[in-house]
C-alpha atoms as a PDB file:
ATOM      1  CA  MET A   1     126.014 131.921 101.578  1.00  0.00           C
ATOM      2  CA  ASN A   2     123.652 132.998 104.316  1.00  0.00           C
ATOM      3  CA  ASN A   3     120.510 132.414 102.034  1.00  0.00           C
ATOM      4  CA  ILE A   4     121.733 129.187 100.508  1.00  0.00           C
ATOM      5  CA  LEU A   5     122.453 128.023 104.469  1.00  0.00           C
ATOM      6  CA  LYS A   6     118.812 129.175 105.127  1.00  0.00           C
ATOM      7  CA  LYS A   7     116.968 127.894 102.461  1.00  0.00           C
ATOM      8  CA  TYR A   8     119.306 124.456 103.185  1.00  0.00           C
ATOM      9  CA  HIS A   9     117.509 124.084 106.633  1.00  0.00           C
ATOM     10  CA  LEU A  10     114.262 124.834 105.329  1.00  0.00           C
ATOM     11  CA  HIS A  11     114.482 122.072 102.881  1.00  0.00           C
ATOM     12  CA  SER A  12     116.072 119.485 105.171  1.00  0.00           C
ATOM     13  CA  GLY A  13     113.775 120.582 108.692  1.00  0.00           C
ATOM     14  CA  PHE A  14     110.761 119.962 105.845  1.00  0.00           C
ATOM     15  CA  ILE A  15     112.263 116.201 104.562  1.00  0.00           C
ATOM     16  CA  ALA A  16     112.036 115.538 108.479  1.00  0.00           C
ATOM     17  CA  LEU A  17     108.450 117.029 108.881  1.00  0.00           C
ATOM     18  CA  ILE A  18     107.429 114.721 106.031  1.00  0.00           C
ATOM     19  CA  GLY A  19     109.444 111.150 107.425  1.00  0.00           C
ATOM     20  CA  LEU A  20     108.168 111.900 110.539  1.00  0.00           C
ATOM     21  CA  MET A  21     104.423 112.073 108.921  1.00  0.00           C
ATOM     22  CA  LEU A  22     105.380 109.018 106.786  1.00  0.00           C
ATOM     23  CA  ALA A  23     106.648 107.182 109.826  1.00  0.00           C
ATOM     24  CA  THR A  24     103.723 107.821 111.600  1.00  0.00           C
ATOM     25  CA  ARG A  25     100.288 108.664 110.046  1.00  0.00           C
ATOM     26  CA  VAL A  26      99.445 104.849 109.645  1.00  0.00           C
ATOM     27  CA  HIS A  27      97.646 104.576 113.599  1.00  0.00           C
ATOM     28  CA  HIS A  28      96.076 107.380 115.162  1.00  0.00           C
ATOM     29  CA  PHE A  29      96.759 106.610 118.839  1.00  0.00           C
ATOM     30  CA  GLY A  30      99.644 104.250 118.106  1.00  0.00           C
ATOM     31  CA  SER A  31      99.565 101.088 119.295  1.00  0.00           C
ATOM     32  CA  ALA A  32     102.527  98.604 120.042  1.00  0.00           C
ATOM     33  CA  PHE A  33     104.205  98.490 116.601  1.00  0.00           C
ATOM     34  CA  SER A  34     103.744 101.894 115.608  1.00  0.00           C
ATOM     35  CA  LEU A  35     104.310 105.658 117.071  1.00  0.00           C
ATOM     36  CA  PRO A  36     100.777 107.557 117.522  1.00  0.00           C
ATOM     37  CA  ASP A  37     100.170 110.218 114.522  1.00  0.00           C
ATOM     38  CA  ALA A  38     102.335 112.963 114.201  1.00  0.00           C
ATOM     39  CA  SER A  39     100.263 115.111 112.104  1.00  0.00           C
ATOM     40  CA  LEU A  40      99.560 117.643 114.701  1.00  0.00           C
ATOM     41  CA  ALA A  41     102.989 118.603 115.311  1.00  0.00           C
ATOM     42  CA  VAL A  42     104.316 118.408 111.522  1.00  0.00           C
ATOM     43  CA  PHE A  43     101.833 120.929 110.552  1.00  0.00           C
ATOM     44  CA  PHE A  44     102.636 123.016 113.618  1.00  0.00           C
ATOM     45  CA  PHE A  45     106.292 122.793 112.758  1.00  0.00           C
ATOM     46  CA  ALA A  46     105.612 123.350 109.364  1.00  0.00           C
ATOM     47  CA  GLY A  47     103.799 126.505 110.292  1.00  0.00           C
ATOM     48  CA  MET A  48     106.651 127.608 112.111  1.00  0.00           C
ATOM     49  CA  TYR A  49     109.604 126.896 109.810  1.00  0.00           C
ATOM     50  CA  CYS A  50     108.067 126.366 106.282  1.00  0.00           C
ATOM     51  CA  ASN A  51     105.474 128.855 106.448  1.00  0.00           C
ATOM     52  CA  ARG A  52     104.553 128.889 102.898  1.00  0.00           C
ATOM     53  CA  ALA A  53     101.358 127.754 101.261  1.00  0.00           C
ATOM     54  CA  GLY A  54     102.470 125.554  99.040  1.00  0.00           C
ATOM     55  CA  PHE A  55     104.222 123.240 102.056  1.00  0.00           C
ATOM     56  CA  PHE A  56     101.258 123.154 103.335  1.00  0.00           C
ATOM     57  CA  ALA A  57      99.431 121.981 100.178  1.00  0.00           C
ATOM     58  CA  LEU A  58     101.891 119.293 100.020  1.00  0.00           C
ATOM     59  CA  LEU A  59     101.691 118.255 103.764  1.00  0.00           C
ATOM     60  CA  LEU A  60      97.416 117.823 102.949  1.00  0.00           C
ATOM     61  CA  GLY A  61      98.251 116.095 100.083  1.00  0.00           C
ATOM     62  CA  LEU A  62     100.916 113.726 101.588  1.00  0.00           C
ATOM     63  CA  ALA A  63      98.086 113.146 104.596  1.00  0.00           C
ATOM     64  CA  ALA A  64      95.649 112.018 102.002  1.00  0.00           C
ATOM     65  CA  PHE A  65      98.112 109.934 100.481  1.00  0.00           C
ATOM     66  CA  ILE A  66      99.026 108.045 103.421  1.00  0.00           C
ATOM     67  CA  ASP A  67      95.691 107.823 104.586  1.00  0.00           C
ATOM     68  CA  TYR A  68      94.304 106.370 100.784  1.00  0.00           C
ATOM     69  CA  ALA A  69      97.522 103.623 100.492  1.00  0.00           C
ATOM     70  CA  ALA A  70      96.896 102.563 104.577  1.00  0.00           C
ATOM     71  CA  ILE A  71      93.261 101.597 104.121  1.00  0.00           C
ATOM     72  CA  SER A  72      93.777 100.116 100.330  1.00  0.00           C
ATOM     73  CA  HIS A  73      96.707  98.536 100.895  1.00  0.00           C
ATOM     74  CA  PHE A  74      97.553  97.746 104.362  1.00  0.00           C
ATOM     75  CA  GLY A  75      94.361  96.989 106.170  1.00  0.00           C
ATOM     76  CA  VAL A  76      93.727 100.179 108.192  1.00  0.00           C
ATOM     77  CA  SER A  77      90.127 100.510 108.591  1.00  0.00           C
ATOM     78  CA  ASP A  78      88.461 102.871 107.049  1.00  0.00           C
ATOM     79  CA  PHE A  79      85.743 103.918 109.691  1.00  0.00           C
ATOM     80  CA  CYS A  80      87.420 107.504 110.213  1.00  0.00           C
ATOM     81  CA  VAL A  81      87.195 108.289 106.343  1.00  0.00           C
ATOM     82  CA  SER A  82      83.660 110.146 106.017  1.00  0.00           C
ATOM     83  CA  LYS A  83      81.983 113.414 104.951  1.00  0.00           C
ATOM     84  CA  ALA A  84      83.667 114.951 107.430  1.00  0.00           C
ATOM     85  CA  TYR A  85      86.781 113.897 106.224  1.00  0.00           C
ATOM     86  CA  ILE A  86      87.293 117.266 104.537  1.00  0.00           C
ATOM     87  CA  ALA A  87      87.401 118.819 108.045  1.00  0.00           C
ATOM     88  CA  LEU A  88      91.041 117.817 108.244  1.00  0.00           C
ATOM     89  CA  VAL A  89      91.536 120.515 106.281  1.00  0.00           C
ATOM     90  CA  PRO A  90      90.549 123.855 109.313  1.00  0.00           C
ATOM     91  CA  THR A  91      92.159 121.250 111.509  1.00  0.00           C
ATOM     92  CA  TYR A  92      95.597 121.468 110.014  1.00  0.00           C
ATOM     93  CA  GLY A  93      94.692 125.233 108.994  1.00  0.00           C
ATOM     94  CA  VAL A  94      95.003 125.920 112.497  1.00  0.00           C
ATOM     95  CA  MET A  95      97.927 124.173 113.637  1.00  0.00           C
ATOM     96  CA  TRP A  96      99.508 125.893 110.487  1.00  0.00           C
ATOM     97  CA  LEU A  97      98.825 129.050 111.825  1.00  0.00           C
ATOM     98  CA  ALA A  98      99.416 128.769 115.267  1.00  0.00           C
ATOM     99  CA  GLY A  99     103.164 127.335 114.156  1.00  0.00           C
ATOM    100  CA  HIS A 100     103.357 130.212 112.347  1.00  0.00           C
ATOM    101  CA  TYR A 101     102.340 133.109 115.138  1.00  0.00           C
ATOM    102  CA  SER A 102     104.769 130.977 116.754  1.00  0.00           C
ATOM    103  CA  GLN A 103     107.708 132.350 115.127  1.00  0.00           C
ATOM    104  CA  THR A 104     106.557 135.618 117.011  1.00  0.00           C
ATOM    105  CA  LEU A 105     107.737 133.797 120.519  1.00  0.00           C
ATOM    106  CA  THR A 106     111.670 134.530 119.929  1.00  0.00           C
ATOM    107  CA  GLN A 107     112.771 134.181 123.375  1.00  0.00           C
ATOM    108  CA  THR A 108     113.535 131.381 125.260  1.00  0.00           C
ATOM    109  CA  SER A 109     112.593 132.878 128.466  1.00  0.00           C
ATOM    110  CA  ALA A 110     110.218 131.408 131.080  1.00  0.00           C
ATOM    111  CA  ILE A 111     107.378 133.275 130.166  1.00  0.00           C
ATOM    112  CA  GLU A 112     108.167 132.929 126.205  1.00  0.00           C
ATOM    113  CA  LEU A 113     107.939 129.122 126.708  1.00  0.00           C
ATOM    114  CA  THR A 114     105.096 129.139 128.631  1.00  0.00           C
ATOM    115  CA  ARG A 115     103.402 131.364 125.719  1.00  0.00           C
ATOM    116  CA  GLN A 116     104.162 128.729 123.091  1.00  0.00           C
ATOM    117  CA  CYS A 117     103.029 125.580 124.918  1.00  0.00           C
ATOM    118  CA  GLY A 118     100.159 127.285 125.584  1.00  0.00           C
ATOM    119  CA  LEU A 119      99.619 128.225 121.888  1.00  0.00           C
ATOM    120  CA  LEU A 120     100.380 124.581 120.876  1.00  0.00           C
ATOM    121  CA  ILE A 121      97.680 123.260 124.050  1.00  0.00           C
ATOM    122  CA  ALA A 122      95.096 125.792 122.116  1.00  0.00           C
ATOM    123  CA  ALA A 123      95.780 124.987 118.523  1.00  0.00           C
ATOM    124  CA  ILE A 124      95.463 121.071 119.396  1.00  0.00           C
ATOM    125  CA  THR A 125      92.664 122.045 121.221  1.00  0.00           C
ATOM    126  CA  PHE A 126      90.547 123.819 118.995  1.00  0.00           C
ATOM    127  CA  ALA A 127      91.536 121.212 116.033  1.00  0.00           C
ATOM    128  CA  PHE A 128      90.157 118.477 118.574  1.00  0.00           C
ATOM    129  CA  LEU A 129      86.921 120.366 118.104  1.00  0.00           C
ATOM    130  CA  ILE A 130      87.248 121.309 114.419  1.00  0.00           C
ATOM    131  CA  SER A 131      87.752 117.143 113.943  1.00  0.00           C
ATOM    132  CA  ASN A 132      86.352 115.320 116.628  1.00  0.00           C
ATOM    133  CA  GLY A 133      83.025 117.548 116.406  1.00  0.00           C
ATOM    134  CA  SER A 134      82.867 117.320 112.708  1.00  0.00           C
ATOM    135  CA  PHE A 135      83.449 113.752 112.326  1.00  0.00           C
ATOM    136  CA  TYR A 136      80.602 113.388 115.315  1.00  0.00           C
ATOM    137  CA  LEU A 137      78.177 115.486 113.621  1.00  0.00           C
ATOM    138  CA  PHE A 138      78.740 114.936 109.984  1.00  0.00           C
ATOM    139  CA  SER A 139      80.650 111.457 109.320  1.00  0.00           C
ATOM    140  CA  GLY A 140      77.443 110.117 109.736  1.00  0.00           C
ATOM    141  CA  ARG A 141      78.193 107.144 112.333  1.00  0.00           C
ATOM    142  CA  TYR A 142      75.808 108.835 115.013  1.00  0.00           C
ATOM    143  CA  PRO A 143      72.327 108.920 113.904  1.00  0.00           C
ATOM    144  CA  GLU A 144      71.243 110.789 116.893  1.00  0.00           C
ATOM    145  CA  PRO A 145      73.712 113.321 117.943  1.00  0.00           C
ATOM    146  CA  SER A 146      73.552 114.477 121.849  1.00  0.00           C
ATOM    147  CA  LEU A 147      75.749 117.003 123.293  1.00  0.00           C
ATOM    148  CA  ALA A 148      76.121 114.468 125.881  1.00  0.00           C
ATOM    149  CA  VAL A 149      76.712 111.671 123.913  1.00  0.00           C
ATOM    150  CA  TYR A 150      79.467 113.845 122.594  1.00  0.00           C
ATOM    151  CA  LEU A 151      81.446 115.227 125.549  1.00  0.00           C
ATOM    152  CA  GLU A 152      81.598 111.444 126.365  1.00  0.00           C
ATOM    153  CA  ARG A 153      83.309 110.402 123.924  1.00  0.00           C
ATOM    154  CA  ALA A 154      85.437 113.656 123.712  1.00  0.00           C
ATOM    155  CA  ALA A 155      86.625 112.990 127.178  1.00  0.00           C
ATOM    156  CA  LEU A 156      87.979 109.156 126.129  1.00  0.00           C
ATOM    157  CA  TYR A 157      89.467 110.800 122.725  1.00  0.00           C
ATOM    158  CA  TYR A 158      90.663 114.077 124.001  1.00  0.00           C
ATOM    159  CA  PRO A 159      93.651 112.926 125.927  1.00  0.00           C
ATOM    160  CA  PRO A 160      95.694 110.629 123.435  1.00  0.00           C
ATOM    161  CA  TYR A 161      94.772 113.597 120.846  1.00  0.00           C
ATOM    162  CA  LEU A 162      96.581 115.869 123.002  1.00  0.00           C
ATOM    163  CA  ILE A 163      99.554 114.141 124.905  1.00  0.00           C
ATOM    164  CA  ALA A 164     101.004 112.483 121.053  1.00  0.00           C
ATOM    165  CA  PRO A 165     101.464 116.287 119.431  1.00  0.00           C
ATOM    166  CA  LEU A 166     103.182 117.744 122.659  1.00  0.00           C
ATOM    167  CA  MET A 167     105.321 114.756 122.874  1.00  0.00           C
ATOM    168  CA  TYR A 168     106.581 115.135 119.827  1.00  0.00           C
ATOM    169  CA  SER A 169     106.718 118.848 119.919  1.00  0.00           C
ATOM    170  CA  ALA A 170     108.806 118.791 123.113  1.00  0.00           C
ATOM    171  CA  VAL A 171     111.271 116.003 121.293  1.00  0.00           C
ATOM    172  CA  ILE A 172     111.401 118.650 118.246  1.00  0.00           C
ATOM    173  CA  PHE A 173     111.594 121.959 120.310  1.00  0.00           C
ATOM    174  CA  ALA A 174     114.701 120.162 122.527  1.00  0.00           C
ATOM    175  CA  GLY A 175     115.970 118.816 119.211  1.00  0.00           C
ATOM    176  CA  LEU A 176     115.977 122.468 117.773  1.00  0.00           C
ATOM    177  CA  LYS A 177     117.080 123.952 121.324  1.00  0.00           C
ATOM    178  CA  LEU A 178     120.342 121.642 121.020  1.00  0.00           C
ATOM    179  CA  ILE A 179     121.087 122.064 117.769  1.00  0.00           C
ATOM    180  CA  ALA A 180     120.999 125.876 118.433  1.00  0.00           C
ATOM    181  CA  ALA A 181     123.331 125.725 121.233  1.00  0.00           C
ATOM    182  CA  LEU A 182     125.817 123.538 119.349  1.00  0.00           C
ATOM    183  CA  LYS A 183     125.501 126.070 116.613  1.00  0.00           C
ATOM    184  CA  ALA A 184     126.524 129.019 119.067  1.00  0.00           C
ATOM    185  CA  SER A 185     128.858 126.892 120.762  1.00  0.00           C
ATOM    186  CA  ALA A 186     130.828 125.930 117.306  1.00  0.00           C
ATOM    187  CA  ASN A 187     130.656 129.880 116.264  1.00  0.00           C
ATOM    188  CA  THR A 188     132.045 130.705 119.846  1.00  0.00           C
ATOM    189  CA  ALA A 189     135.046 128.259 119.243  1.00  0.00           C
ATOM    190  CA  ASP A 190     135.364 129.564 115.699  1.00  0.00           C
ATOM    191  CA  GLN A 191     135.380 133.198 116.632  1.00  0.00           C
ATOM    192  CA  ALA A 192     138.155 132.080 119.667  1.00  0.00           C
ATOM    193  CA  LEU A 193     140.692 130.644 116.847  1.00  0.00           C
END
């Protein structure tokens, strides 16, 4: 019975992550009418809770499909689709692996939460360097790349790139902690009967 419940929670959590990606992937930084992209947080939590390679591949395919549909059917700009698009595989791989590693941080102490947050920030930063750096170098949009121009552009795009997944992660972590507390409370009440 315990295995069935674990599979149910795994699948329902994965479906929730897919729903979050579907709801937010259309615009990277969000707008007045859409939420910012949650893909980095989705890959992080998928690595944490659904750490099977098939899930990673499914999420990669879903991300590509959403991008295709957004560009071809919903008028979203194709500016970011270039030769550098393939760099999203290691970008999301970093988030997936960081999520997988974060499973080892199981305590809820302030030190463990600080480590978890540090790991998440480091993963997002590394993901940014991969995706943003590869776009700058390989997209063909910048014919004469220079470190000074890259740093100027990175300073512009890094804050929203960092803030959105941190925001989603804080909400998801709080939700998971609330669910765990409610389950523990229900178990304690059941044992008291």
